[in-house]
């Protein structure tokens, strides 16, 4: 899945930036980035339209890239799943909706749920040149911690949303998200220990509710990384000139680290699970060393020797997050 912003979304963002002083946006972006790194909710810094635009400039590309990667994996695991409806919970700029529309072009109806008026307004502005489902998206202003029920949908996505919610409200939020899901629920969080902890808690809640975890785990057992490491992945995306200026960056690309979970209702058919690569493969003289999450719920170190030419050729094409 291409991590670049779709051309209509890039064009819409460029139009939204026309005539807006970059210095002011950079200052606002710095405040939002500081809040993001500190784990503070965006509600404290996204107060008006230019705040939302600064956030979009710095975070929309990475959020889209992570969501596109996760949803493409969801489609690979459940190849017959073809959602008609989407609930984008904590929609923000609508990045997850754009990713879903790229993975499933047949998407017919989208609902954005967010407590921020500036975000909902910007999401609608950016979607004006997008697919029909996004152009006609229904915006619903609401806090994810408020009591449901929320609109039911084939696909429910909560991207970078749990970080905005107080820990004592997260279990009830996951329960409401699952109640709204008729097919797949995808949750994406920052690829840091705190984000992984939120994913783990959501996973436990969903398994207790009868969900089947499709990805990234190839099993339904306890996570074997607890206490040793954290499960996260990475996607590389290009930075535009404005993106580099807003982040005071020189490097023309960015690596977004993320943790995620895809859970399915019993009616969603999935392909057989396979071990997943949990870290960048290491190439050494004897061969390629892989760290795998195995089907038995254990971490499985595996070395593919150079002498096994066929297996080695396959292993060379594997990347962090791929399945074997």
Protein backbone atom coordinates (compact mmCIF):
# COMPACT_ATOMS: atom_id res chain seq x y z
CA UNK A 1 0.00 0.00 0.00
CA UNK A 2 1.43 3.35 -1.06
CA UNK A 3 2.01 5.49 2.09
CA UNK A 4 1.92 8.76 0.10
CA UNK A 5 -1.14 10.96 0.49
CA UNK A 6 -3.62 10.38 -2.37
CA UNK A 7 -3.32 13.10 -5.02
CA UNK A 8 -6.78 14.62 -4.28
CA UNK A 9 -5.96 14.83 -0.56
CA UNK A 10 -2.56 16.39 -1.24
CA UNK A 11 -4.19 18.92 -3.57
CA UNK A 12 -6.89 19.74 -1.01
CA UNK A 13 -4.28 20.28 1.71
CA UNK A 14 -2.29 22.54 -0.61
CA UNK A 15 -5.44 24.57 -1.32
CA UNK A 16 -6.16 24.88 2.39
CA UNK A 17 -2.61 26.20 2.93
CA UNK A 18 -2.88 28.90 0.24
CA UNK A 19 -2.35 32.34 1.71
CA UNK A 20 -1.74 31.06 5.23
CA UNK A 21 1.51 32.40 6.75
CA UNK A 22 3.88 29.50 7.23
CA UNK A 23 5.60 31.01 10.27
CA UNK A 24 2.37 31.07 12.26
CA UNK A 25 1.57 27.52 11.20
CA UNK A 26 5.04 26.37 12.21
CA UNK A 27 4.57 27.83 15.68
CA UNK A 28 1.18 26.18 16.05
CA UNK A 29 2.61 22.93 14.70
CA UNK A 30 5.40 23.03 17.28
CA UNK A 31 2.81 23.30 20.05
CA UNK A 32 0.79 20.37 18.70
CA UNK A 33 3.95 18.26 18.24
CA UNK A 34 5.03 19.00 21.79
CA UNK A 35 1.61 17.95 23.09
CA UNK A 36 1.71 14.78 20.95
CA UNK A 37 5.14 13.76 22.26
CA UNK A 38 4.07 14.48 25.84
CA UNK A 39 0.95 12.36 25.47
CA UNK A 40 -1.39 15.29 26.08
CA UNK A 41 -4.77 15.37 24.30
CA UNK A 42 -5.09 17.50 21.17
CA UNK A 43 -8.14 19.26 22.63
CA UNK A 44 -5.80 21.47 24.63
CA UNK A 45 -4.08 22.85 21.53
CA UNK A 46 -6.65 22.50 18.69
CA UNK A 47 -8.88 25.47 19.42
CA UNK A 48 -9.42 27.10 16.01
CA UNK A 49 -9.14 26.48 12.29
CA UNK A 50 -5.44 27.31 11.96
CA UNK A 51 -4.59 24.94 14.82
CA UNK A 52 -6.32 22.11 12.95
CA UNK A 53 -4.53 23.08 9.74
CA UNK A 54 -1.14 23.10 11.48
CA UNK A 55 -1.92 19.66 12.88
CA UNK A 56 -2.86 18.43 9.41
CA UNK A 57 0.38 19.76 7.97
CA UNK A 58 2.52 17.92 10.50
CA UNK A 59 0.50 14.82 11.41
CA UNK A 60 -1.91 14.05 8.53
CA UNK A 61 0.74 12.40 6.28
CA UNK A 62 2.01 10.10 9.04
CA UNK A 63 -1.48 9.25 10.32
CA UNK A 64 -2.60 8.42 6.79
CA UNK A 65 0.48 6.26 6.15
CA UNK A 66 -0.01 4.25 9.34
CA UNK A 67 -3.74 3.79 8.74
CA UNK A 68 -3.19 2.79 5.11
CA UNK A 69 -0.66 0.18 6.20
CA UNK A 70 -2.96 -1.24 8.88
CA UNK A 71 -6.08 -1.31 6.72
CA UNK A 72 -4.20 -2.89 3.82
CA UNK A 73 -3.15 -5.65 6.22
CA UNK A 74 -6.77 -6.00 7.38
CA UNK A 75 -7.81 -6.47 3.74
CA UNK A 76 -5.07 -9.05 3.23
CA UNK A 77 -6.21 -11.03 6.28
CA UNK A 78 -9.89 -10.85 5.31
CA UNK A 79 -9.84 -10.77 1.49
CA UNK A 80 -13.60 -11.23 1.17
CA UNK A 81 -14.45 -8.34 3.46
CA UNK A 82 -15.93 -5.42 1.48
CA UNK A 83 -17.28 -2.78 3.86
CA UNK A 84 -20.03 -0.48 2.71
CA UNK A 85 -20.12 1.67 5.85
CA UNK A 86 -17.38 3.23 7.97
CA UNK A 87 -17.38 4.83 11.41
CA UNK A 88 -14.22 6.92 11.83
CA UNK A 89 -14.15 7.35 15.62
CA UNK A 90 -12.04 10.29 16.73
CA UNK A 91 -11.81 11.21 13.07
CA UNK A 92 -9.63 14.30 13.38
CA UNK A 93 -8.64 15.35 9.87
CA UNK A 94 -10.28 12.27 8.32
CA UNK A 95 -6.97 10.55 7.52
CA UNK A 96 -8.28 7.08 8.40
CA UNK A 97 -11.33 7.60 6.17
CA UNK A 98 -9.09 8.45 3.22
CA UNK A 99 -7.02 5.32 3.89
CA UNK A 100 -10.15 3.16 4.09
CA UNK A 101 -11.44 4.59 0.80
CA UNK A 102 -8.14 3.73 -0.86
CA UNK A 103 -8.17 0.14 0.44
CA UNK A 104 -11.91 -0.41 -0.19
CA UNK A 105 -13.04 1.84 -3.08
CA UNK A 106 -16.57 0.43 -2.79
CA UNK A 107 -17.09 2.21 0.52
CA UNK A 108 -20.49 3.92 0.29
CA UNK A 109 -21.14 5.79 3.54
CA UNK A 110 -18.84 7.39 6.12
CA UNK A 111 -19.54 8.84 9.56
CA UNK A 112 -16.99 11.04 11.32
CA UNK A 113 -17.24 11.14 15.10
CA UNK A 114 -15.14 13.78 16.84
CA UNK A 115 -15.49 16.29 19.66
CA UNK A 116 -13.56 19.02 17.79
CA UNK A 117 -15.44 21.39 15.50
CA UNK A 118 -12.21 22.68 13.88
CA UNK A 119 -11.22 19.10 13.01
CA UNK A 120 -14.63 18.20 11.58
CA UNK A 121 -14.70 21.40 9.53
CA UNK A 122 -11.22 20.75 8.11
CA UNK A 123 -12.03 17.10 7.41
CA UNK A 124 -15.01 18.20 5.31
CA UNK A 125 -12.89 20.79 3.50
CA UNK A 126 -10.20 18.23 2.65
CA UNK A 127 -12.80 15.67 1.52
CA UNK A 128 -14.48 18.05 -0.95
CA UNK A 129 -12.45 16.66 -3.84
CA UNK A 130 -12.29 13.09 -2.60
CA UNK A 131 -14.33 9.95 -3.30
CA UNK A 132 -18.14 10.33 -3.09
CA UNK A 133 -18.29 8.51 0.26
CA UNK A 134 -15.97 11.11 1.78
CA UNK A 135 -17.65 14.06 0.09
CA UNK A 136 -20.94 12.96 1.64
CA UNK A 137 -19.54 11.98 5.04
CA UNK A 138 -21.83 12.61 8.00
CA UNK A 139 -20.09 14.63 10.73
CA UNK A 140 -21.22 13.85 14.26
CA UNK A 141 -19.81 15.97 17.06
CA UNK A 142 -19.31 13.89 20.17
CA UNK A 143 -16.83 12.74 22.78
CA UNK A 144 -15.72 9.11 22.49
CA UNK A 145 -16.11 8.75 26.25
CA UNK A 146 -19.78 9.70 26.13
CA UNK A 147 -22.33 6.93 26.32
CA UNK A 148 -23.32 5.32 23.02
CA UNK A 149 -24.79 3.85 21.09
CA UNK A 150 -22.75 5.11 18.19
CA UNK A 151 -23.69 4.54 14.54
CA UNK A 152 -23.11 0.91 13.60
CA UNK A 153 -20.79 0.24 10.66
CA UNK A 154 -19.15 -2.62 8.79
CA UNK A 155 -15.77 -1.06 9.52
CA UNK A 156 -14.92 0.96 12.64
CA UNK A 157 -11.56 2.70 12.88
CA UNK A 158 -10.09 4.52 15.87
CA UNK A 159 -6.73 5.98 14.88
CA UNK A 160 -4.61 7.79 17.46
CA UNK A 161 -7.81 8.23 19.48
CA UNK A 162 -7.25 6.21 22.67
CA UNK A 163 -4.31 8.45 23.59
CA UNK A 164 -6.85 11.27 23.92
CA UNK A 165 -8.93 9.35 26.47
CA UNK A 166 -8.40 9.07 30.23
CA UNK A 167 -7.22 5.57 31.22
CA UNK A 168 -10.32 4.89 33.33
CA UNK A 169 -12.55 5.53 30.30
CA UNK A 170 -10.71 3.41 27.76
CA UNK A 171 -12.32 0.05 28.49
CA UNK A 172 -15.84 1.46 28.15
CA UNK A 173 -14.77 3.25 24.96
CA UNK A 174 -13.49 -0.02 23.43
CA UNK A 175 -16.72 -1.73 24.47
CA UNK A 176 -18.77 0.93 22.66
CA UNK A 177 -16.53 0.75 19.58
CA UNK A 178 -17.00 -3.02 19.46
CA UNK A 179 -20.77 -2.66 19.88
CA UNK A 180 -20.78 -0.38 16.83
CA UNK A 181 -18.75 -2.88 14.76
CA UNK A 182 -20.54 -5.30 12.47
CA UNK A 183 -17.40 -6.50 10.67
CA UNK A 184 -13.90 -5.26 11.51
CA UNK A 185 -12.56 -2.92 14.18
CA UNK A 186 -9.12 -1.38 13.57
CA UNK A 187 -7.28 0.51 16.30
CA UNK A 188 -4.05 2.43 15.61
CA UNK A 189 -1.91 4.03 18.32
CA UNK A 190 1.57 5.57 18.51
CA UNK A 191 4.32 2.95 18.39
CA UNK A 192 5.61 3.70 21.86
CA UNK A 193 5.31 1.65 25.07
CA UNK A 194 2.27 3.69 26.17
CA UNK A 195 0.53 3.12 22.83
CA UNK A 196 1.32 -0.60 23.00
CA UNK A 197 -0.12 -0.74 26.53
CA UNK A 198 -3.38 0.77 25.28
CA UNK A 199 -3.50 -1.75 22.44
CA UNK A 200 -2.89 -4.61 24.91
CA UNK A 201 -5.73 -3.42 27.13
CA UNK A 202 -8.05 -3.09 24.13
CA UNK A 203 -7.04 -6.57 22.96
CA UNK A 204 -7.95 -8.09 26.33
CA UNK A 205 -11.32 -6.33 26.32
CA UNK A 206 -12.10 -7.47 22.78
CA UNK A 207 -11.06 -11.09 23.32
CA UNK A 208 -13.27 -11.20 26.42
CA UNK A 209 -16.13 -9.91 24.26
CA UNK A 210 -15.67 -12.75 21.75
CA UNK A 211 -13.69 -10.93 19.07
CA UNK A 212 -11.10 -12.67 16.90
CA UNK A 213 -7.77 -10.85 16.57
CA UNK A 214 -6.72 -10.87 12.91
CA UNK A 215 -3.59 -8.73 13.09
CA UNK A 216 -0.88 -8.18 13.97
CA UNK A 217 -1.08 -11.25 16.21
CA UNK A 218 -1.18 -14.66 14.47
CA UNK A 219 -2.75 -16.14 17.63
CA UNK A 220 -5.29 -15.40 20.37
CA UNK A 221 -2.91 -16.11 23.26
CA UNK A 222 -1.27 -13.59 25.57
CA UNK A 223 1.27 -11.27 23.96
CA UNK A 224 4.73 -12.83 24.38
CA UNK A 225 6.45 -9.43 24.44
CA UNK A 226 4.99 -8.21 27.74
CA UNK A 227 7.79 -7.14 30.06
CA UNK A 228 10.49 -7.53 27.41
CA UNK A 229 9.62 -5.36 24.43
CA UNK A 230 6.63 -3.73 22.83
CA UNK A 231 4.87 -4.66 19.60
CA UNK A 232 5.15 -1.87 17.07
CA UNK A 233 5.89 -1.34 13.40
CA UNK A 234 7.11 1.39 11.08
CA UNK A 235 6.20 2.96 7.76
CA UNK A 236 8.37 5.42 5.80
CA UNK A 237 6.65 8.35 4.10
CA UNK A 238 7.90 11.33 2.10
CA UNK A 239 7.88 14.86 3.51
CA UNK A 240 6.70 17.78 1.40
CA UNK A 241 8.56 21.08 1.51
CA UNK A 242 5.89 22.59 3.78
CA UNK A 243 6.03 19.51 5.98
CA UNK A 244 9.79 19.86 6.39
CA UNK A 245 9.50 23.58 7.16
CA UNK A 246 6.75 23.04 9.71
CA UNK A 247 8.80 20.40 11.53
CA UNK A 248 12.13 22.21 11.03
CA UNK A 249 13.38 19.03 9.39
CA UNK A 250 16.04 18.46 6.73
CA UNK A 251 15.53 14.79 5.93
CA UNK A 252 12.99 14.37 3.07
CA UNK A 253 11.27 11.40 4.69
CA UNK A 254 9.76 10.40 8.01
CA UNK A 255 9.46 7.04 9.76
CA UNK A 256 6.16 6.70 11.58
CA UNK A 257 6.15 4.12 14.36
CA UNK A 258 2.75 2.69 15.27
CA UNK A 259 1.05 -0.11 17.18
CA UNK A 260 -2.24 -1.56 16.01
CA UNK A 261 -4.95 -4.16 16.35
CA UNK A 262 -7.51 -5.53 13.90
CA UNK A 263 -10.41 -7.46 15.45
CA UNK A 264 -13.18 -9.29 13.61
CA UNK A 265 -16.74 -10.39 14.21
CA UNK A 266 -17.43 -14.09 13.79
CA UNK A 267 -19.04 -13.58 10.38
CA UNK A 268 -15.85 -12.22 8.78
CA UNK A 269 -13.93 -14.94 6.95
CA UNK A 270 -10.16 -14.72 7.33
CA UNK A 271 -7.25 -16.52 5.75
CA UNK A 272 -4.96 -18.76 7.80
CA UNK A 273 -2.64 -16.85 10.16
CA UNK A 274 1.09 -16.80 9.59
CA UNK A 275 4.05 -15.87 11.80
CA UNK A 276 4.78 -12.13 11.72
CA UNK A 277 8.17 -10.40 11.62
CA UNK A 278 8.44 -8.35 14.82
CA UNK A 279 11.64 -6.40 14.10
CA UNK A 280 13.81 -5.37 11.16
CA UNK A 281 15.49 -8.53 9.74
CA UNK A 282 19.23 -8.69 10.40
CA UNK A 283 21.51 -9.82 7.61
CA UNK A 284 24.80 -11.43 8.66
CA UNK A 285 27.34 -13.74 7.05
CA UNK A 286 25.52 -17.01 7.97
CA UNK A 287 22.12 -15.75 6.83
CA UNK A 288 19.13 -13.59 7.75
CA UNK A 289 17.95 -13.51 11.37
CA UNK A 290 14.22 -13.02 11.93
CA UNK A 291 12.29 -12.32 15.13
CA UNK A 292 8.85 -13.86 14.64
CA UNK A 293 5.60 -13.89 16.54
CA UNK A 294 4.64 -17.54 16.19
CA UNK A 295 1.32 -19.30 15.81
CA UNK A 296 1.72 -20.76 19.30
CA UNK A 297 1.91 -17.32 20.91
CA UNK A 298 5.67 -17.43 21.47
CA UNK A 299 8.52 -15.34 20.09
CA UNK A 300 10.38 -17.48 17.58
CA UNK A 301 13.94 -16.54 16.57
CA UNK A 302 14.68 -17.98 13.14
CA UNK A 303 17.81 -17.87 10.98
CA UNK A 304 17.43 -18.45 7.25
CA UNK A 305 20.84 -19.69 6.07
CA UNK A 306 22.43 -18.46 2.87
CA UNK A 307 22.98 -21.99 1.73
CA UNK A 308 19.20 -22.49 1.45
CA UNK A 309 18.99 -20.34 -1.66
CA UNK A 310 15.24 -20.51 -2.19
CA UNK A 311 14.34 -19.68 1.41
CA UNK A 312 17.07 -17.03 1.56
CA UNK A 313 15.71 -15.32 -1.54
CA UNK A 314 12.27 -15.16 0.09
CA UNK A 315 13.68 -13.93 3.41
CA UNK A 316 15.54 -11.10 1.67
CA UNK A 317 12.19 -9.70 0.59
CA UNK A 318 10.75 -9.73 4.10
CA UNK A 319 10.46 -6.53 6.07
CA UNK A 320 9.44 -5.53 9.57
CA UNK A 321 5.73 -6.30 9.97
CA UNK A 322 5.48 -8.80 7.10
CA UNK A 323 4.18 -12.32 7.52
CA UNK A 324 6.23 -15.41 6.70
